[in-house]
C-alpha atoms as a PDB file:
ATOM      1  CA  MET A   1     -33.507 156.197 107.082  1.00  0.00           C
ATOM      2  CA  LYS A   2     -32.575 158.471 109.501  1.00  0.00           C
ATOM      3  CA  HIS A   3     -28.945 158.000 108.848  1.00  0.00           C
ATOM      4  CA  ASN A   4     -30.134 159.078 105.275  1.00  0.00           C
ATOM      5  CA  ARG A   5     -31.326 162.586 106.399  1.00  0.00           C
ATOM      6  CA  VAL A   6     -28.028 163.769 108.319  1.00  0.00           C
ATOM      7  CA  VAL A   7     -25.868 162.505 105.186  1.00  0.00           C
ATOM      8  CA  MET A   8     -27.497 164.318 102.376  1.00  0.00           C
ATOM      9  CA  THR A   9     -27.973 167.357 105.263  1.00  0.00           C
ATOM     10  CA  VAL A  10     -24.285 167.772 105.858  1.00  0.00           C
ATOM     11  CA  SER A  11     -23.755 166.694 102.263  1.00  0.00           C
ATOM     12  CA  ILE A  12     -25.587 169.890 100.610  1.00  0.00           C
ATOM     13  CA  ILE A  13     -24.286 172.162 103.451  1.00  0.00           C
ATOM     14  CA  GLY A  14     -20.739 171.178 102.490  1.00  0.00           C
ATOM     15  CA  LEU A  15     -21.557 171.634  98.793  1.00  0.00           C
ATOM     16  CA  ALA A  16     -22.819 174.926  99.695  1.00  0.00           C
ATOM     17  CA  ALA A  17     -19.352 175.805 101.586  1.00  0.00           C
ATOM     18  CA  LEU A  18     -17.326 174.406  98.799  1.00  0.00           C
ATOM     19  CA  ILE A  19     -19.600 176.983  96.456  1.00  0.00           C
ATOM     20  CA  LEU A  20     -18.989 179.659  98.866  1.00  0.00           C
ATOM     21  CA  MET A  21     -14.754 178.808  99.187  1.00  0.00           C
ATOM     22  CA  LEU A  22     -14.946 178.878  95.039  1.00  0.00           C
ATOM     23  CA  ILE A  23     -16.389 182.068  94.934  1.00  0.00           C
ATOM     24  CA  LEU A  24     -15.183 184.131  97.083  1.00  0.00           C
ATOM     25  CA  THR A  25     -11.056 183.117  97.866  1.00  0.00           C
ATOM     26  CA  THR A  26      -8.118 181.570  95.892  1.00  0.00           C
ATOM     27  CA  PRO A  27      -6.019 179.078  96.242  1.00  0.00           C
ATOM     28  CA  THR A  28      -2.667 181.476  97.383  1.00  0.00           C
ATOM     29  CA  GLU A  29      -5.191 183.324  99.875  1.00  0.00           C
ATOM     30  CA  ILE A  30      -6.948 180.335 101.209  1.00  0.00           C
ATOM     31  CA  GLY A  31      -3.904 178.662 102.876  1.00  0.00           C
ATOM     32  CA  PRO A  32      -2.891 175.220 103.688  1.00  0.00           C
ATOM     33  CA  LEU A  33      -5.665 175.354 106.333  1.00  0.00           C
ATOM     34  CA  GLY A  34      -8.296 176.409 103.314  1.00  0.00           C
ATOM     35  CA  VAL A  35      -6.840 173.849 101.222  1.00  0.00           C
ATOM     36  CA  LEU A  36      -7.755 170.869 104.142  1.00  0.00           C
ATOM     37  CA  LEU A  37     -11.070 172.348 104.475  1.00  0.00           C
ATOM     38  CA  PHE A  38     -11.700 172.623 100.677  1.00  0.00           C
ATOM     39  CA  PHE A  39     -10.813 168.594 100.258  1.00  0.00           C
ATOM     40  CA  THR A  40     -12.630 167.887 102.970  1.00  0.00           C
ATOM     41  CA  THR A  41     -15.807 169.859 101.843  1.00  0.00           C
ATOM     42  CA  LEU A  42     -15.562 168.273  98.441  1.00  0.00           C
ATOM     43  CA  TYR A  43     -15.071 165.033  99.689  1.00  0.00           C
ATOM     44  CA  VAL A  44     -18.118 164.991 102.247  1.00  0.00           C
ATOM     45  CA  SER A  45     -20.274 166.397  98.867  1.00  0.00           C
ATOM     46  CA  VAL A  46     -18.955 163.252  97.074  1.00  0.00           C
ATOM     47  CA  PHE A  47     -20.049 160.799  99.462  1.00  0.00           C
ATOM     48  CA  GLY A  48     -23.416 162.403  99.312  1.00  0.00           C
ATOM     49  CA  ILE A  49     -23.729 162.064  95.541  1.00  0.00           C
ATOM     50  CA  THR A  50     -22.281 158.770  96.073  1.00  0.00           C
ATOM     51  CA  THR A  51     -24.429 157.327  98.558  1.00  0.00           C
ATOM     52  CA  LEU A  52     -27.461 159.050  96.801  1.00  0.00           C
ATOM     53  CA  LEU A  53     -26.518 156.814  93.618  1.00  0.00           C
ATOM     54  CA  MET A  54     -26.074 153.915  95.084  1.00  0.00           C
ATOM     55  CA  GLN A  55     -29.658 154.027  96.786  1.00  0.00           C
ATOM     56  CA  THR A  56     -31.121 154.536  93.687  1.00  0.00           C
ATOM     57  CA  PHE A  57     -29.132 151.723  92.312  1.00  0.00           C
ATOM     58  CA  TYR A  58     -30.078 149.307  95.148  1.00  0.00           C
ATOM     59  CA  ARG A  59     -34.036 150.459  94.400  1.00  0.00           C
ATOM     60  CA  LEU A  60     -33.880 149.512  90.914  1.00  0.00           C
ATOM     61  CA  ALA A  61     -31.475 147.047  90.270  1.00  0.00           C
ATOM     62  CA  PHE A  62     -31.917 144.632  93.992  1.00  0.00           C
ATOM     63  CA  LYS A  63     -35.907 146.252  94.953  1.00  0.00           C
ATOM     64  CA  ARG A  64     -34.570 146.874  97.971  1.00  0.00           C
ATOM     65  CA  GLU A  65     -35.705 149.606 100.126  1.00  0.00           C
ATOM     66  CA  SER A  66     -32.975 149.331 103.036  1.00  0.00           C
ATOM     67  CA  PHE A  67     -30.012 151.064 102.734  1.00  0.00           C
ATOM     68  CA  ARG A  68     -27.016 148.636 105.332  1.00  0.00           C
ATOM     69  CA  GLY A  69     -24.618 150.242 107.225  1.00  0.00           C
ATOM     70  CA  LYS A  70     -22.416 148.457 105.386  1.00  0.00           C
ATOM     71  CA  ASP A  71     -23.101 149.967 102.190  1.00  0.00           C
ATOM     72  CA  TYR A  72     -22.558 153.206 104.121  1.00  0.00           C
ATOM     73  CA  PHE A  73     -18.780 151.819 104.135  1.00  0.00           C
ATOM     74  CA  TYR A  74     -18.861 151.004 100.517  1.00  0.00           C
ATOM     75  CA  ALA A  75     -20.176 154.311  99.693  1.00  0.00           C
ATOM     76  CA  ALA A  76     -17.071 155.764 101.882  1.00  0.00           C
ATOM     77  CA  VAL A  77     -14.833 154.092 100.302  1.00  0.00           C
ATOM     78  CA  PHE A  78     -15.628 154.082  96.324  1.00  0.00           C
ATOM     79  CA  SER A  79     -15.913 158.324  97.165  1.00  0.00           C
ATOM     80  CA  PHE A  80     -12.471 158.710  97.925  1.00  0.00           C
ATOM     81  CA  GLY A  81     -11.694 157.654  94.139  1.00  0.00           C
ATOM     82  CA  PRO A  82     -12.295 161.529  92.865  1.00  0.00           C
ATOM     83  CA  ILE A  83     -10.094 162.791  95.689  1.00  0.00           C
ATOM     84  CA  MET A  84      -7.573 160.919  94.268  1.00  0.00           C
ATOM     85  CA  LEU A  85      -7.598 161.910  91.346  1.00  0.00           C
ATOM     86  CA  LEU A  86      -7.795 165.379  92.043  1.00  0.00           C
ATOM     87  CA  MET A  87      -4.690 165.285  94.048  1.00  0.00           C
ATOM     88  CA  ALA A  88      -3.390 163.580  91.206  1.00  0.00           C
ATOM     89  CA  ARG A  89      -3.960 165.845  88.731  1.00  0.00           C
ATOM     90  CA  SER A  90      -2.790 168.837  91.421  1.00  0.00           C
ATOM     91  CA  PHE A  91       0.492 167.121  90.702  1.00  0.00           C
ATOM     92  CA  GLY A  92      -0.107 167.061  87.319  1.00  0.00           C
ATOM     93  CA  ALA A  93       0.693 163.138  87.417  1.00  0.00           C
ATOM     94  CA  VAL A  94      -2.561 161.791  85.665  1.00  0.00           C
ATOM     95  CA  ASN A  95      -1.875 159.319  83.379  1.00  0.00           C
ATOM     96  CA  ILE A  96      -3.450 155.395  82.430  1.00  0.00           C
ATOM     97  CA  TRP A  97      -1.362 154.061  85.589  1.00  0.00           C
ATOM     98  CA  THR A  98      -2.335 156.362  87.642  1.00  0.00           C
ATOM     99  CA  VAL A  99      -5.752 156.021  86.988  1.00  0.00           C
ATOM    100  CA  GLY A 100      -5.056 152.171  86.929  1.00  0.00           C
ATOM    101  CA  LEU A 101      -3.786 152.546  90.264  1.00  0.00           C
ATOM    102  CA  ILE A 102      -6.535 154.497  91.920  1.00  0.00           C
ATOM    103  CA  ALA A 103      -8.716 152.230  90.858  1.00  0.00           C
ATOM    104  CA  PHE A 104      -6.466 149.241  92.271  1.00  0.00           C
ATOM    105  CA  PHE A 105      -6.494 150.566  95.183  1.00  0.00           C
ATOM    106  CA  ILE A 106     -10.651 151.295  95.106  1.00  0.00           C
ATOM    107  CA  PHE A 107     -10.599 147.755  94.683  1.00  0.00           C
ATOM    108  CA  LEU A 108      -8.828 146.504  97.638  1.00  0.00           C
ATOM    109  CA  ALA A 109     -10.195 149.144  99.526  1.00  0.00           C
ATOM    110  CA  GLU A 110     -14.060 147.694  98.109  1.00  0.00           C
ATOM    111  CA  PHE A 111     -12.184 144.296  99.397  1.00  0.00           C
ATOM    112  CA  LEU A 112     -11.163 144.758 102.414  1.00  0.00           C
ATOM    113  CA  VAL A 113     -14.697 146.166 103.619  1.00  0.00           C
ATOM    114  CA  ALA A 114     -16.591 143.501 101.898  1.00  0.00           C
ATOM    115  CA  LYS A 115     -14.261 140.901 104.248  1.00  0.00           C
ATOM    116  CA  ARG A 116     -14.100 142.496 107.048  1.00  0.00           C
ATOM    117  CA  ILE A 117     -17.524 143.953 107.999  1.00  0.00           C
END
């Protein structure tokens, strides 16, 4: 449970920074470092939401109270999917093939986590 508090605290701080960044700046004045900060805070926020949803699912479906270390790896890989979709959207290349390739990449990464860790 101690890890979960850290993840949720960092996620809330990242979400607050993301909201402030969206309110106070524009993409042209933020620069490359700001874009990197944007994607990093977005990933941290999505990771916290994914972790919370997975914990809720595990409690309801599997009646399991503990959240193992391997489950954090699953959440970390899965929460990179929306970031890849946003990046594809920024290039203007979102179609069925792009979504399929992103889903395939997530599936392969989850499979690697299942086999290696």
